[in-house]
Amino acid sequence: MDEDQKNHLKAYGLTFWALKNGVEANWLLNYRGGSFLFAYSQAVEQECKVRNVSYQVLTDAATNTILTTIADNQVNMDIIKLEKAPKIAVYSPKNKLPWDDAVTLVLTYAEIPYDIVYDEEVLKGSLSGYDWLHLHHEDFTGQYGRFWSTFRMAEWYTDDVKLQEKTAKKLGYKKVSQMKLDVALSIRNFCAGGGFLFAMCSGTESFDIALAAEGVDICETMFDGDPADNDAQKKLDYTKTFAFQNFRLDMNPYNYEFSDIDATATRTLERTDDFFTLFDFSAKWDVIPTMLTQNHDQVIKGFMGQTTAFRKSLLKPNVLVLGESKAADEARYIHGEFGKGQWTFYGGHDPEDYQHAIGDPPTDLHLHPNSTGYRLILNNVLFPAAKKKKQKT
């Protein structure tokens, strides 16, 4: 999985396929970019050829040499056994909206199976059947993505509002914001019970805002039929959030921003200077962050979104920063624990489309089979398959 790999993204799909078919698999952390080691079979070799994934067939002696190297305490490497393919759900609307989602794009390209769930399925308890959940570009505050100012006359926007309101009424809610809050609480419970949560773009920021604003009306009249609470800011409860604290809401419905968590509006980086760097963790001591940052390059091209990057000053003390832009003092890739589960938030919309706009065509990943930005997503997809080692002290 270093620079010699022809297709990094499909290599994850191959690993997922191997686990589904009962093949013994291991993740060699920090060995040649985070390589995968399988027990040899003709079926695996054939699958590598079909998927155009680069591979090497090793003798027992060569394999033992690699494992001995990794086991050396002076080397920042480790080996993690992958036990089973996680069952994956993507929280995504059933209606077609004029943008795409990086996670569904890369899951499809890598040939990793997943199910689509949305509000009705979540509220009926379907998440209990999954190990890993991704939050699509979503607004959990009930403000329809803050698109009202620019797109309120667009057919896709009005159709989405009607569908959301119809669903809320069907499920017994007076407001969409109330339905979305219960969805967010259900997702929080999924994570607390041991689930793995991954979110990108506005799915990160709006999720925490909804949790902090539980019981508080933060939606103006055009969103829910009545004015927002004038004291909404004072009533936020940051103890309920996963990642962020002390943030201030943007209560102006004409603005595209939800809060000051996102640094998009104030960042001054030019595109040519927009990069973020992954931290180098100890593979033998910090196994989880090491898995989540496996890559063939530690410097990742920046990319924008409705929520592009997180202000480091608003992160909770227990949040682990996996990737940051020092020049802009931004966190781009963060991780934490909640209850028995874990979560990862990744800023930006599409790692291979710098400034994806409404209506732009989806990224063709056949053109980006070695994308470092997309690899971070797939690290998270495979993460639940890993056998967890006991915490070292």
Protein backbone atom coordinates (compact mmCIF):
# COMPACT_ATOMS: atom_id res chain seq x y z
CA MET A 1 0.00 0.00 0.00
CA ASP A 2 2.90 2.34 -0.71
CA GLU A 3 3.57 4.12 -4.01
CA ASP A 4 3.89 0.77 -5.81
CA GLN A 5 0.18 0.03 -5.36
CA LYS A 6 -1.80 0.57 -8.60
CA ASN A 7 -5.17 0.94 -6.89
CA HIS A 8 -5.20 1.76 -3.19
CA LEU A 9 -8.96 2.23 -3.03
CA LYS A 10 -9.87 -1.14 -4.52
CA ALA A 11 -7.35 -2.81 -2.20
CA TYR A 12 -9.70 -1.98 0.68
CA GLY A 13 -12.58 -3.54 -1.23
CA LEU A 14 -10.46 -6.63 -1.81
CA THR A 15 -9.75 -6.85 1.93
CA PHE A 16 -13.46 -6.48 2.69
CA TRP A 17 -14.20 -9.24 0.15
CA ALA A 18 -11.57 -11.50 1.75
CA LEU A 19 -13.11 -11.06 5.20
CA LYS A 20 -16.58 -11.80 3.84
CA ASN A 21 -15.22 -15.02 2.36
CA GLY A 22 -13.49 -16.21 5.53
CA VAL A 23 -9.92 -15.47 4.42
CA GLU A 24 -7.43 -14.77 7.20
CA ALA A 25 -6.36 -11.13 6.93
CA ASN A 26 -4.01 -8.80 8.80
CA TRP A 27 -3.33 -5.08 8.59
CA LEU A 28 0.39 -4.28 8.71
CA LEU A 29 0.38 -0.82 10.27
CA ASN A 30 3.06 1.50 8.90
CA TYR A 31 4.59 -1.30 6.81
CA ARG A 32 4.83 -0.01 3.23
CA GLY A 33 1.97 2.41 3.71
CA GLY A 34 -0.28 0.12 5.73
CA SER A 35 -0.26 -3.08 3.68
CA PHE A 36 -2.65 -6.02 3.99
CA LEU A 37 -1.44 -9.60 4.48
CA PHE A 38 -3.64 -12.57 3.53
CA ALA A 39 -3.29 -16.30 3.81
CA TYR A 40 -2.58 -17.36 0.23
CA SER A 41 -5.33 -18.78 -1.95
CA GLN A 42 -5.85 -18.84 -5.70
CA ALA A 43 -9.18 -17.11 -5.17
CA VAL A 44 -7.53 -14.11 -3.51
CA GLU A 45 -4.86 -13.90 -6.20
CA GLN A 46 -7.49 -14.04 -8.93
CA GLU A 47 -9.51 -11.33 -7.19
CA CYS A 48 -6.43 -9.10 -7.08
CA LYS A 49 -6.05 -9.49 -10.84
CA VAL A 50 -9.73 -8.81 -11.51
CA ARG A 51 -9.67 -5.63 -9.41
CA ASN A 52 -6.25 -4.49 -10.73
CA VAL A 53 -4.85 -4.48 -7.19
CA SER A 54 -1.06 -4.81 -6.93
CA TYR A 55 0.12 -7.75 -4.84
CA GLN A 56 3.08 -9.96 -4.01
CA VAL A 57 3.07 -13.68 -3.23
CA LEU A 58 5.42 -14.31 -0.29
CA THR A 59 7.22 -17.43 0.84
CA ASP A 60 6.84 -18.45 4.49
CA ALA A 61 10.40 -17.30 5.10
CA ALA A 62 9.72 -13.85 3.61
CA THR A 63 6.52 -13.53 5.63
CA ASN A 64 8.33 -14.42 8.86
CA THR A 65 10.99 -11.83 8.09
CA ILE A 66 8.33 -9.13 7.71
CA LEU A 67 6.56 -10.16 10.92
CA THR A 68 9.85 -10.19 12.83
CA THR A 69 10.65 -6.70 11.56
CA ILE A 70 7.23 -5.41 12.63
CA ALA A 71 7.55 -7.00 16.09
CA ASP A 72 10.79 -5.13 16.83
CA ASN A 73 10.04 -2.59 19.59
CA GLN A 74 12.43 -0.13 17.94
CA VAL A 75 10.25 -0.01 14.81
CA ASN A 76 7.04 2.03 14.62
CA MET A 77 4.92 -0.77 13.14
CA ASP A 78 2.34 -3.25 14.35
CA ILE A 79 0.14 -6.03 13.02
CA ILE A 80 -3.61 -6.03 13.55
CA LYS A 81 -5.78 -9.05 12.85
CA LEU A 82 -8.93 -8.28 10.89
CA GLU A 83 -11.74 -10.50 12.15
CA LYS A 84 -14.92 -9.88 10.17
CA ALA A 85 -16.36 -7.54 7.59
CA PRO A 86 -18.46 -4.88 9.35
CA LYS A 87 -22.08 -4.35 8.36
CA ILE A 88 -22.30 -0.84 6.92
CA ALA A 89 -25.13 1.68 6.78
CA VAL A 90 -25.16 5.09 5.13
CA TYR A 91 -27.62 7.67 6.45
CA SER A 92 -28.77 9.28 3.21
CA PRO A 93 -32.04 10.64 1.77
CA LYS A 94 -33.98 8.48 -0.66
CA ASN A 95 -34.77 11.42 -2.96
CA LYS A 96 -32.17 12.69 -5.42
CA LEU A 97 -30.42 15.90 -4.38
CA PRO A 98 -28.01 17.89 -6.61
CA TRP A 99 -24.80 16.73 -4.92
CA ASP A 100 -23.02 13.47 -4.27
CA ASP A 101 -21.48 11.92 -1.20
CA ALA A 102 -17.80 10.98 -1.06
CA VAL A 103 -18.42 7.92 1.12
CA THR A 104 -21.02 6.32 -1.13
CA LEU A 105 -18.81 7.10 -4.14
CA VAL A 106 -15.79 5.34 -2.66
CA LEU A 107 -17.77 2.42 -1.24
CA THR A 108 -19.27 1.82 -4.68
CA TYR A 109 -15.90 2.15 -6.41
CA ALA A 110 -14.18 -0.16 -3.92
CA GLU A 111 -17.07 -2.63 -4.24
CA ILE A 112 -17.88 -2.58 -0.52
CA PRO A 113 -21.57 -3.34 0.13
CA TYR A 114 -23.69 -0.98 2.21
CA ASP A 115 -27.34 -0.26 3.02
CA ILE A 116 -29.11 3.10 2.82
CA VAL A 117 -31.07 4.17 5.91
CA TYR A 118 -32.83 7.43 6.60
CA ASP A 119 -35.06 9.00 9.23
CA GLU A 120 -37.84 6.44 9.23
CA GLU A 121 -35.49 3.44 9.46
CA VAL A 122 -33.35 5.06 12.16
CA LEU A 123 -36.36 5.95 14.31
CA LYS A 124 -37.66 2.39 14.01
CA GLY A 125 -34.43 1.05 15.49
CA SER A 126 -32.69 -0.29 12.39
CA LEU A 127 -29.21 0.85 13.48
CA SER A 128 -28.95 -2.04 15.92
CA GLY A 129 -28.25 -4.28 12.92
CA TYR A 130 -25.11 -2.38 11.84
CA ASP A 131 -21.52 -1.94 12.99
CA TRP A 132 -20.66 1.26 11.10
CA LEU A 133 -22.72 4.30 10.16
CA HIS A 134 -21.87 7.20 7.88
CA LEU A 135 -23.75 10.49 7.99
CA HIS A 136 -24.39 11.85 4.52
CA HIS A 137 -24.06 15.62 3.89
CA GLU A 138 -26.91 16.35 6.28
CA ASP A 139 -28.55 19.02 8.43
CA PHE A 140 -29.72 17.65 11.79
CA THR A 141 -30.94 21.08 12.94
CA GLY A 142 -34.05 21.09 10.72
CA GLN A 143 -32.94 24.09 8.65
CA TYR A 144 -32.81 22.21 5.34
CA GLY A 145 -29.07 22.63 4.93
CA ARG A 146 -29.26 26.43 5.23
CA PHE A 147 -29.96 26.54 1.50
CA TRP A 148 -33.04 28.77 1.87
CA SER A 149 -31.37 32.06 0.96
CA THR A 150 -29.98 30.89 -2.39
CA PHE A 151 -32.12 27.93 -3.43
CA ARG A 152 -35.57 28.42 -1.88
CA MET A 153 -37.17 28.66 -5.33
CA ALA A 154 -35.32 25.65 -6.76
CA GLU A 155 -37.48 22.60 -7.44
CA TRP A 156 -35.12 20.21 -5.65
CA TYR A 157 -35.25 22.39 -2.52
CA THR A 158 -39.02 22.74 -2.39
CA ASP A 159 -39.46 19.02 -3.08
CA ASP A 160 -37.06 18.14 -0.27
CA VAL A 161 -38.89 20.40 2.19
CA LYS A 162 -42.22 18.81 1.28
CA LEU A 163 -40.82 15.31 1.67
CA GLN A 164 -39.19 16.09 5.01
CA GLU A 165 -42.39 17.67 6.34
CA LYS A 166 -44.46 14.74 5.10
CA THR A 167 -42.14 12.25 6.80
CA ALA A 168 -42.17 14.20 10.06
CA LYS A 169 -45.97 14.31 10.08
CA LYS A 170 -46.19 10.59 9.27
CA LEU A 171 -43.92 9.80 12.21
CA GLY A 172 -45.90 11.99 14.61
CA TYR A 173 -43.78 15.16 14.72
CA LYS A 174 -45.02 18.73 14.40
CA LYS A 175 -41.69 19.96 13.08
CA VAL A 176 -38.89 18.56 10.97
CA SER A 177 -36.41 19.87 13.55
CA GLN A 178 -38.03 17.68 16.21
CA MET A 179 -37.76 14.62 13.98
CA LYS A 180 -34.11 15.36 13.15
CA LEU A 181 -33.29 15.76 16.84
CA ASP A 182 -34.69 12.32 17.63
CA VAL A 183 -32.70 10.91 14.71
CA ALA A 184 -29.54 12.52 16.13
CA LEU A 185 -30.32 11.09 19.58
CA SER A 186 -30.82 7.63 18.06
CA ILE A 187 -27.44 7.92 16.32
CA ARG A 188 -25.88 9.04 19.61
CA ASN A 189 -27.33 5.94 21.29
CA PHE A 190 -25.99 3.77 18.45
CA CYS A 191 -22.50 5.08 19.12
CA ALA A 192 -22.86 4.85 22.90
CA GLY A 193 -23.80 1.20 22.53
CA GLY A 194 -20.60 0.35 20.66
CA GLY A 195 -21.24 1.53 17.10
CA PHE A 196 -18.72 3.29 14.86
CA LEU A 197 -19.82 6.68 13.52
CA PHE A 198 -18.22 8.51 10.60
CA ALA A 199 -19.33 11.90 9.32
CA MET A 200 -18.12 14.47 6.82
CA CYS A 201 -18.91 18.09 5.94
CA SER A 202 -22.11 19.49 7.51
CA GLY A 203 -22.99 16.08 8.95
CA THR A 204 -20.32 16.72 11.60
CA GLU A 205 -21.20 20.24 12.67
CA SER A 206 -25.01 20.06 12.45
CA PHE A 207 -25.03 16.78 14.42
CA ASP A 208 -23.30 18.33 17.43
CA ILE A 209 -25.38 21.52 17.17
CA ALA A 210 -28.61 19.49 17.24
CA LEU A 211 -27.45 17.62 20.35
CA ALA A 212 -26.43 20.83 22.14
CA ALA A 213 -29.73 22.50 21.22
CA GLU A 214 -31.98 19.69 22.46
CA GLY A 215 -35.23 21.32 23.63
CA VAL A 216 -34.25 24.73 22.21
CA ASP A 217 -35.81 26.28 19.09
CA ILE A 218 -32.92 27.46 16.88
CA CYS A 219 -34.95 27.53 13.62
CA GLU A 220 -36.35 30.78 12.21
CA THR A 221 -39.89 31.07 10.83
CA MET A 222 -39.09 30.06 7.23
CA PHE A 223 -37.84 26.70 8.52
CA ASP A 224 -40.45 25.67 11.09
CA GLY A 225 -43.29 28.22 11.07
CA ASP A 226 -42.36 30.17 14.22
CA PRO A 227 -39.47 32.39 15.39
CA ALA A 228 -36.33 31.00 16.97
CA ASP A 229 -35.74 31.38 20.70
CA ASN A 230 -34.00 34.72 21.29
CA ASP A 231 -32.01 33.12 24.11
CA ALA A 232 -31.05 30.02 22.10
CA GLN A 233 -27.32 30.66 22.38
CA LYS A 234 -27.44 30.85 26.18
CA LYS A 235 -29.41 27.61 26.40
CA LEU A 236 -26.99 25.39 24.48
CA ASP A 237 -25.72 22.42 26.49
CA TYR A 238 -22.21 21.51 25.29
CA THR A 239 -22.04 18.49 27.61
CA LYS A 240 -24.27 16.64 25.13
CA THR A 241 -21.96 17.02 22.11
CA PHE A 242 -19.31 14.66 20.75
CA ALA A 243 -16.58 17.00 19.54
CA PHE A 244 -17.30 20.71 19.94
CA GLN A 245 -17.88 23.16 22.78
CA ASN A 246 -18.32 26.91 23.33
CA PHE A 247 -19.36 27.47 19.72
CA ARG A 248 -21.68 30.27 18.66
CA LEU A 249 -24.65 29.71 16.40
CA ASP A 250 -25.16 31.73 13.24
CA MET A 251 -28.81 32.69 13.66
CA ASN A 252 -29.05 34.67 10.40
CA PRO A 253 -31.10 32.48 8.00
CA TYR A 254 -29.57 34.31 5.02
CA ASN A 255 -26.16 32.89 5.86
CA TYR A 256 -24.95 29.49 4.64
CA GLU A 257 -23.12 28.79 7.91
CA PHE A 258 -24.54 26.96 10.94
CA SER A 259 -22.01 28.22 13.50
CA ASP A 260 -18.43 29.31 14.04
CA ILE A 261 -17.29 25.68 14.33
CA ASP A 262 -16.54 25.81 10.60
CA ALA A 263 -13.63 27.99 9.52
CA THR A 264 -14.64 28.32 5.83
CA ALA A 265 -15.73 31.97 6.00
CA THR A 266 -12.54 33.24 7.65
CA ARG A 267 -9.81 31.02 6.20
CA THR A 268 -7.30 32.78 3.94
CA LEU A 269 -5.50 29.79 2.41
CA GLU A 270 -5.08 29.81 -1.35
CA ARG A 271 -5.87 26.54 -3.11
CA THR A 272 -2.21 26.00 -3.95
CA ASP A 273 -1.34 26.20 -0.24
CA ASP A 274 -4.31 24.22 1.07
CA PHE A 275 -2.93 21.02 2.56
CA PHE A 276 -3.23 19.26 5.89
CA THR A 277 -0.83 16.88 7.59
CA LEU A 278 -1.55 13.59 9.31
CA PHE A 279 0.00 13.04 12.72
CA ASP A 280 2.47 10.21 13.16
CA PHE A 281 1.23 7.99 16.02
CA SER A 282 2.94 5.12 17.80
CA ALA A 283 1.68 1.95 16.12
CA LYS A 284 2.35 -0.21 19.18
CA TRP A 285 0.87 2.19 21.73
CA ASP A 286 -1.71 4.24 19.83
CA VAL A 287 -3.18 1.54 17.64
CA ILE A 288 -6.54 3.19 16.85
CA PRO A 289 -5.22 6.54 15.54
CA THR A 290 -2.50 4.67 13.68
CA MET A 291 -5.12 2.62 11.84
CA LEU A 292 -7.13 5.72 11.00
CA THR A 293 -4.13 7.56 9.52
CA GLN A 294 -2.64 4.78 7.36
CA ASN A 295 -1.59 6.28 4.04
CA HIS A 296 1.14 6.42 1.42
CA ASP A 297 1.57 10.17 1.99
CA GLN A 298 1.22 12.12 5.23
CA VAL A 299 0.38 15.40 3.45
CA ILE A 300 -3.18 15.46 2.11
CA LYS A 301 -4.62 17.91 -0.42
CA GLY A 302 -7.19 20.21 1.17
CA PHE A 303 -10.77 20.39 -0.09
CA MET A 304 -13.74 22.53 0.83
CA GLY A 305 -17.32 21.90 1.91
CA GLN A 306 -20.15 23.56 3.76
CA THR A 307 -18.13 22.57 6.83
CA THR A 308 -14.54 22.64 5.57
CA ALA A 309 -12.43 22.63 8.73
CA PHE A 310 -12.89 22.76 12.49
CA ARG A 311 -11.65 25.59 14.69
CA LYS A 312 -9.21 23.96 17.08
CA SER A 313 -10.19 26.37 19.85
CA LEU A 314 -13.70 24.86 19.90
CA LEU A 315 -12.67 21.21 20.23
CA LYS A 316 -13.33 19.42 23.50
CA PRO A 317 -10.17 18.48 25.45
CA ASN A 318 -10.66 14.74 24.86
CA VAL A 319 -10.87 15.07 21.06
CA LEU A 320 -7.91 13.57 19.22
CA VAL A 321 -6.71 15.54 16.19
CA LEU A 322 -5.59 13.12 13.46
CA GLY A 323 -4.88 15.72 10.78
CA GLU A 324 -4.43 19.48 10.89
CA SER A 325 -3.47 22.52 8.88
CA LYS A 326 -0.96 24.37 11.03
CA ALA A 327 -0.89 27.36 8.70
CA ALA A 328 -4.59 27.99 9.28
CA ASP A 329 -4.77 26.58 12.83
CA GLU A 330 -7.49 24.16 11.67
CA ALA A 331 -8.30 20.58 12.52
CA ARG A 332 -9.41 18.63 9.43
CA TYR A 333 -9.68 15.08 10.72
CA ILE A 334 -10.64 14.27 14.34
CA HIS A 335 -11.58 11.26 16.43
CA GLY A 336 -13.04 10.40 19.80
CA GLU A 337 -14.93 7.95 21.95
CA PHE A 338 -18.53 8.10 23.11
CA GLY A 339 -19.80 5.47 25.50
CA LYS A 340 -18.68 2.09 24.18
CA GLY A 341 -18.39 3.39 20.63
CA GLN A 342 -16.14 5.66 18.60
CA TRP A 343 -16.59 8.43 16.07
CA THR A 344 -14.54 10.20 13.40
CA PHE A 345 -15.31 13.59 11.83
CA TYR A 346 -13.68 14.61 8.53
CA GLY A 347 -14.01 18.18 7.26
CA GLY A 348 -14.87 18.95 3.64
CA HIS A 349 -17.13 17.45 0.98
CA ASP A 350 -15.07 15.59 -1.64
CA PRO A 351 -11.31 14.86 -1.35
CA GLU A 352 -10.80 15.01 -5.13
CA ASP A 353 -13.05 17.99 -5.92
CA TYR A 354 -11.66 21.10 -4.27
CA GLN A 355 -14.83 23.21 -4.28
CA HIS A 356 -17.76 20.97 -5.19
CA ALA A 357 -20.75 23.12 -6.14
CA ILE A 358 -24.46 22.34 -6.22
CA GLY A 359 -25.19 20.49 -9.46
CA ASP A 360 -21.59 19.49 -10.23
CA PRO A 361 -21.14 15.96 -11.61
CA PRO A 362 -19.87 13.26 -9.24
CA THR A 363 -16.15 12.55 -9.01
CA ASP A 364 -15.02 9.66 -11.19
CA LEU A 365 -12.80 7.62 -8.89
CA HIS A 366 -11.42 5.65 -11.82
CA LEU A 367 -9.34 8.81 -12.30
CA HIS A 368 -8.18 8.81 -8.66
CA PRO A 369 -7.48 5.17 -7.66
CA ASN A 370 -4.62 6.26 -5.38
CA SER A 371 -6.37 9.15 -3.62
CA THR A 372 -4.83 9.85 -0.20
CA GLY A 373 -7.92 11.81 0.86
CA TYR A 374 -10.28 8.97 0.02
CA ARG A 375 -8.00 6.45 1.75
CA LEU A 376 -8.81 8.13 5.07
CA ILE A 377 -12.50 7.31 4.53
CA LEU A 378 -11.70 3.67 3.84
CA ASN A 379 -9.46 3.43 6.92
CA ASN A 380 -12.60 4.19 8.91
CA VAL A 381 -14.71 1.67 6.98
CA LEU A 382 -12.23 -1.11 7.78
CA PHE A 383 -11.58 0.03 11.34
CA PRO A 384 -14.46 -1.95 12.95
CA ALA A 385 -13.06 -5.17 11.45
CA ALA A 386 -9.92 -4.92 13.58
CA LYS A 387 -9.46 -7.07 16.64
CA LYS A 388 -9.00 -4.58 19.44
CA LYS A 389 -5.92 -5.01 21.58
CA LYS A 390 -5.98 -4.33 25.31
CA GLN A 391 -4.96 -0.80 26.16
CA LYS A 392 -1.32 -0.61 27.22
CA THR A 393 -0.41 1.27 30.39
